[in-house]
Protein backbone atom coordinates (compact mmCIF):
# COMPACT_ATOMS: atom_id res chain seq x y z
CA LEU A 1 115.22 96.38 148.85
CA THR A 2 114.70 94.59 152.18
CA ASN A 3 111.93 92.43 150.70
CA ASN A 4 114.12 91.52 147.74
CA ARG A 5 117.15 90.65 149.86
CA ALA A 6 115.00 88.51 152.17
CA ILE A 7 114.40 86.16 149.22
CA TYR A 8 118.15 85.99 148.63
CA ALA A 9 118.61 85.17 152.32
CA LEU A 10 116.03 82.37 152.16
CA ALA A 11 117.73 80.95 149.05
CA ALA A 12 121.14 81.15 150.75
CA LEU A 13 119.81 79.29 153.80
CA ALA A 14 118.34 76.64 151.47
CA VAL A 15 121.79 76.19 149.91
CA MET A 16 123.51 76.17 153.29
CA ILE A 17 121.52 73.27 154.76
CA PRO A 18 122.91 70.44 152.57
CA MET A 19 126.24 72.28 152.37
CA THR A 20 126.80 71.50 156.05
CA ALA A 21 127.12 67.87 154.93
CA ASN A 22 129.48 68.99 152.14
CA GLN A 23 126.79 68.60 149.49
CA PHE A 24 125.84 71.20 146.87
CA ASP A 25 122.27 71.89 145.80
CA LEU A 26 122.10 73.66 142.44
CA SER A 27 118.40 72.86 142.09
CA VAL A 28 117.47 75.62 144.57
CA ALA A 29 117.01 78.11 141.73
CA GLY A 30 114.77 75.71 139.81
CA VAL A 31 112.64 74.96 142.87
CA LEU A 32 112.30 78.66 143.64
CA GLY A 33 111.37 79.49 140.05
CA ILE A 34 108.77 76.77 139.55
CA SER A 35 107.31 77.44 143.01
CA GLN A 36 106.51 81.06 142.26
CA ILE A 37 104.91 80.07 138.93
CA LEU A 38 102.80 77.29 140.44
CA ALA A 39 101.76 79.54 143.33
CA ILE A 40 99.87 81.76 140.91
CA GLY A 41 98.92 79.10 138.36
CA LEU A 42 97.27 76.76 140.85
CA GLN A 43 95.17 79.63 142.19
CA THR A 44 94.22 81.45 139.01
CA GLN A 45 94.09 78.60 136.48
CA GLN A 46 93.12 75.61 138.63
CA GLY A 47 90.96 77.55 141.05
CA LEU A 48 92.51 76.05 144.16
CA PRO A 49 92.36 77.84 147.52
CA TRP A 50 95.57 79.70 148.29
CA TRP A 51 96.50 77.44 151.20
CA VAL A 52 96.05 74.29 149.10
CA ALA A 53 98.28 75.80 146.41
CA CYS A 54 100.91 76.59 149.05
CA LEU A 55 100.82 73.03 150.43
CA ILE A 56 101.23 71.58 146.93
CA VAL A 57 104.17 73.88 146.21
CA LEU A 58 105.87 72.96 149.49
CA ALA A 59 105.25 69.25 148.79
CA ILE A 60 106.90 69.62 145.38
CA GLY A 61 109.90 71.34 146.98
CA ALA A 62 110.22 68.47 149.47
CA ALA A 63 109.84 65.90 146.68
CA VAL A 64 112.65 67.49 144.67
CA GLY A 65 114.81 67.45 147.79
CA PHE A 66 113.99 63.77 148.32
CA VAL A 67 114.98 62.93 144.73
CA ASN A 68 118.22 64.87 145.16
CA GLY A 69 118.95 62.99 148.38
CA ILE A 70 118.38 59.60 146.76
CA LEU A 71 120.54 60.48 143.75
CA VAL A 72 123.38 61.78 145.93
CA ALA A 73 123.32 59.60 149.04
CA ARG A 74 122.03 56.28 147.73
CA ILE A 75 122.99 56.17 144.04
CA ARG A 76 126.19 58.10 144.85
CA ILE A 77 126.01 60.65 142.04
CA ASN A 78 128.12 63.73 142.72
CA SER A 79 125.84 66.35 144.28
CA PHE A 80 126.97 69.02 141.83
CA ILE A 81 125.99 66.87 138.84
CA ALA A 82 122.80 65.44 140.35
CA THR A 83 121.32 68.76 141.45
CA LEU A 84 122.43 70.51 138.27
CA GLY A 85 120.42 67.87 136.42
CA THR A 86 117.30 68.19 138.56
CA GLY A 87 117.53 71.97 138.45
CA SER A 88 117.77 71.91 134.65
CA ILE A 89 114.76 69.57 134.45
CA LEU A 90 112.76 71.97 136.61
CA LEU A 91 113.81 74.88 134.39
CA GLY A 92 112.65 72.93 131.33
CA ILE A 93 109.31 72.14 132.95
CA LEU A 94 108.93 75.79 133.94
CA GLN A 95 109.63 77.05 130.42
CA GLY A 96 107.34 74.42 128.90
CA HIS A 97 104.52 75.20 131.31
CA THR A 98 104.65 78.96 130.75
CA GLY A 99 105.78 79.02 127.13
CA GLY A 100 108.16 81.76 128.21
CA ARG A 101 105.24 84.03 129.06
CA GLN A 102 104.18 85.73 132.26
CA GLY A 103 101.44 84.27 134.41
CA ALA A 104 98.80 86.75 135.56
CA GLY A 105 95.56 86.63 137.48
CA THR A 106 93.79 87.72 140.63
CA LEU A 107 95.37 86.29 143.75
CA ASP A 108 93.66 85.78 147.08
CA PRO A 109 94.23 88.84 149.32
CA THR A 110 95.27 86.52 152.16
CA PHE A 111 98.03 85.06 150.00
CA ILE A 112 99.20 88.54 148.98
CA GLY A 113 99.20 89.39 152.68
CA LEU A 114 102.05 86.91 153.19
CA ALA A 115 104.28 89.65 151.80
CA GLY A 116 102.83 92.36 154.01
CA ARG A 117 104.41 94.40 156.78
CA ILE A 118 104.21 95.01 160.50
CA GLY A 119 104.87 98.72 160.59
CA PRO A 120 108.14 99.26 158.71
CA VAL A 121 109.22 95.60 159.03
CA PRO A 122 108.37 93.30 156.08
CA TYR A 123 106.97 89.89 156.90
CA ALA A 124 109.67 88.43 154.65
CA LEU A 125 112.33 89.66 157.07
CA ILE A 126 110.45 88.06 159.96
CA TYR A 127 110.29 84.75 158.08
CA VAL A 128 114.06 84.88 157.57
CA ALA A 129 114.62 85.55 161.27
CA VAL A 130 112.32 82.73 162.42
CA ILE A 131 113.85 80.19 160.00
CA ALA A 132 117.36 81.32 160.89
CA VAL A 133 116.76 80.86 164.62
CA ALA A 134 115.20 77.43 164.02
CA LEU A 135 118.17 76.32 161.89
CA TRP A 136 120.63 77.74 164.41
CA ILE A 137 119.04 75.67 167.18
CA VAL A 138 119.08 72.55 164.99
CA PHE A 139 122.71 72.89 163.92
CA GLU A 140 124.15 74.05 167.22
CA TYR A 141 122.14 72.17 169.83
CA LEU A 142 120.40 69.15 168.29
CA PRO A 143 121.98 65.81 167.29
CA PHE A 144 120.71 66.11 163.71
CA GLY A 145 122.71 69.25 163.00
CA ARG A 146 125.85 67.99 164.72
CA LYS A 147 125.73 64.75 162.75
CA LEU A 148 125.40 66.69 159.50
CA TYR A 149 128.54 68.64 160.42
CA VAL A 150 130.36 65.36 161.11
CA LEU A 151 129.26 64.03 157.72
CA GLY A 152 130.56 67.17 156.07
CA GLU A 153 133.88 67.26 157.89
CA ASN A 154 134.78 63.57 158.11
CA PRO A 155 132.51 61.05 156.34
CA ARG A 156 134.71 58.15 157.48
CA ALA A 157 134.38 59.16 161.13
CA ALA A 158 130.63 59.51 160.64
CA GLU A 159 130.47 55.98 159.22
CA LEU A 160 132.50 54.56 162.13
CA ASN A 161 130.14 56.27 164.58
CA GLY A 162 127.13 54.69 162.93
CA ILE A 163 125.69 57.86 161.42
CA PRO A 164 123.44 56.80 158.48
CA ALA A 165 124.64 59.13 155.74
CA THR A 166 121.80 58.30 153.33
CA ARG A 167 119.11 59.29 155.82
CA TYR A 168 120.73 62.50 157.05
CA VAL A 169 121.83 63.77 153.64
CA THR A 170 118.38 63.06 152.19
CA ILE A 171 116.66 64.93 155.03
CA ALA A 172 119.05 67.86 154.53
CA PHE A 173 118.10 68.04 150.84
CA ILE A 174 114.39 67.80 151.72
CA ILE A 175 114.63 70.70 154.19
CA GLY A 176 116.60 72.71 151.62
CA GLY A 177 113.89 72.03 149.02
CA LEU A 178 111.20 73.17 151.45
CA ALA A 179 113.09 76.39 152.16
CA ALA A 180 113.52 77.09 148.43
CA ALA A 181 109.83 76.41 147.76
CA PHE A 182 108.83 78.72 150.62
CA ALA A 183 111.06 81.43 149.14
CA GLY A 184 109.21 80.98 145.83
CA LEU A 185 105.85 81.41 147.55
CA ILE A 186 106.90 84.63 149.25
CA LEU A 187 108.43 85.90 146.01
CA GLN A 188 105.10 85.34 144.22
CA ALA A 189 103.23 87.13 146.99
CA GLN A 190 105.58 90.07 146.37
CA LEU A 191 105.52 90.03 142.56
CA ARG A 192 101.85 88.99 142.06
CA VAL A 193 102.87 87.98 138.52
CA GLY A 194 104.42 84.69 137.43
CA GLN A 195 107.83 85.36 135.89
CA SER A 196 109.12 82.46 133.77
CA THR A 197 112.69 83.76 134.00
CA VAL A 198 112.81 84.17 137.78
CA GLY A 199 114.90 81.69 139.71
CA GLN A 200 118.31 81.44 138.09
CA GLU A 201 119.24 84.95 139.21
CA PHE A 202 119.12 83.78 142.83
CA LEU A 203 121.53 80.85 142.44
CA LEU A 204 124.84 82.71 142.30
CA PRO A 205 124.12 85.12 145.19
CA ALA A 206 122.76 82.22 147.29
CA PHE A 207 125.93 80.17 146.89
CA THR A 208 128.10 83.24 147.40
CA GLY A 209 126.29 84.03 150.65
CA ALA A 210 126.54 80.45 151.96
CA LEU A 211 130.23 80.09 151.07
CA LEU A 212 131.19 83.55 152.26
CA GLY A 213 129.28 82.82 155.45
CA ALA A 214 131.72 79.97 156.10
CA THR A 215 134.43 82.59 156.63
CA ALA A 216 132.45 84.51 159.28
CA ILE A 217 131.41 83.66 162.85
CA ARG A 218 132.83 80.12 162.60
CA PRO A 219 135.57 80.17 159.91
CA GLY A 220 135.80 77.03 157.83
CA ARG A 221 132.27 75.86 158.66
CA THR A 222 128.98 76.84 157.03
CA ASN A 223 126.70 78.45 159.59
CA VAL A 224 123.42 80.32 159.78
CA TRP A 225 124.51 83.70 161.11
CA GLY A 226 127.58 83.87 158.90
CA THR A 227 125.35 83.21 155.88
CA LEU A 228 122.94 86.00 156.80
CA ILE A 229 125.77 88.43 157.50
CA ALA A 230 127.30 87.59 154.11
CA VAL A 231 123.97 88.20 152.32
CA ALA A 232 123.61 91.55 154.10
CA VAL A 233 127.19 92.57 153.31
CA LEU A 234 126.79 91.62 149.65
CA ALA A 235 123.57 93.66 149.44
CA VAL A 236 125.37 96.92 150.30
CA PRO A 237 127.69 97.20 147.25
CA VAL A 238 124.93 95.90 144.95
CA ALA A 239 122.57 98.60 146.21
CA GLY A 240 125.34 101.17 145.80
CA LEU A 241 125.99 100.07 142.23
CA ASN A 242 122.28 100.34 141.43
CA GLN A 243 122.10 103.82 142.97
CA LEU A 244 125.06 104.92 140.87
CA GLY A 245 123.28 103.77 137.74
CA ALA A 246 125.66 100.92 136.93
CA PRO A 247 124.78 98.83 133.83
CA PHE A 248 122.63 95.74 134.44
CA PHE A 249 125.53 93.37 133.75
CA VAL A 250 127.67 94.76 136.59
CA GLU A 251 125.73 92.88 139.29
CA PRO A 252 126.41 89.36 137.88
CA LEU A 253 130.05 90.36 137.35
CA PHE A 254 130.27 91.41 140.98
CA ASN A 255 128.50 88.25 142.20
CA GLY A 256 130.79 86.03 140.13
CA PHE A 257 133.89 87.75 141.48
CA MET A 258 132.61 87.48 145.05
CA LEU A 259 131.81 83.77 144.56
CA ILE A 260 135.45 83.11 143.60
CA VAL A 261 136.61 85.13 146.62
CA ALA A 262 134.15 83.31 148.90
CA VAL A 263 135.32 79.87 147.75
CA GLY A 264 138.96 80.87 148.21
CA LEU A 265 138.39 82.25 151.70
CA SER A 266 136.22 79.30 152.72
CA VAL A 267 138.79 76.73 151.58
CA THR A 268 141.60 78.66 153.28
CA ALA A 269 139.64 78.90 156.54
CA ALA A 270 138.82 75.18 156.46
CA ARG A 271 142.47 74.25 155.90
CA ARG A 272 143.57 76.53 158.74
CA ARG A 273 141.00 75.01 161.09
CA ASP A 274 142.10 71.47 160.15
CA ARG A 275 145.76 72.39 160.65
CA ILE A 276 145.07 73.80 164.10
CA ALA A 277 143.07 70.71 165.04
CA THR A 278 145.92 68.46 163.87
CA GLU A 279 148.50 70.41 165.87
CA ARG A 280 146.45 69.98 169.00
């Protein structure tokens, strides 16, 4: 369960990064899905060393993020539409590449070891912690993160202060693409089989976690620790439902309901914060 939820946490962090600039990345699921397929395909079918396959996958994730950034920040396509399009293209490529079949083969033991454990603690959980701390430092203490928050809260103020929106938004999408690709690599190390249908199931929980996280720690603002707390809180009822033998369709129903709640709470918190700031 911890291993599985770590992937959800990585996906939620990938969604959160461009969301700080008030941009949505729906291609995260497509990047995650194609990454876990390529991770096994490049090793077993192309015969590439595991580390070369990982670098290629990460480069593809960054490239998708770059394309998203150009579409959104330079061409000015709505982020929801642009990333929905790129995500759908990735899904089509994934289905065409696999033919809807599983990918199987013998993976390098070192690659499989990426999903290992230190005692009772999965490596995946350590990856989440390291990435979370790094993002927390960036968003709370470095100019890059603060400028992204300004872009998300007041684009006009950002423009007047000389913050280049195109550059910062594009970099945010690139980092989000890298995080999603990394999640796909770790997922493949866990599964050891290429699943052509994997990816889309992570999109709804990832957005729910990121949006619900905007109501915790720092209400009205997306943040790292709020996102992780939201993912952990969401995991508890889902695990309970599974233990009680709930039908398979109950989990997406629950996630959909929680997404609506998360959006409502996030919007309410943002309005309250803006009202307090205006009164001051």
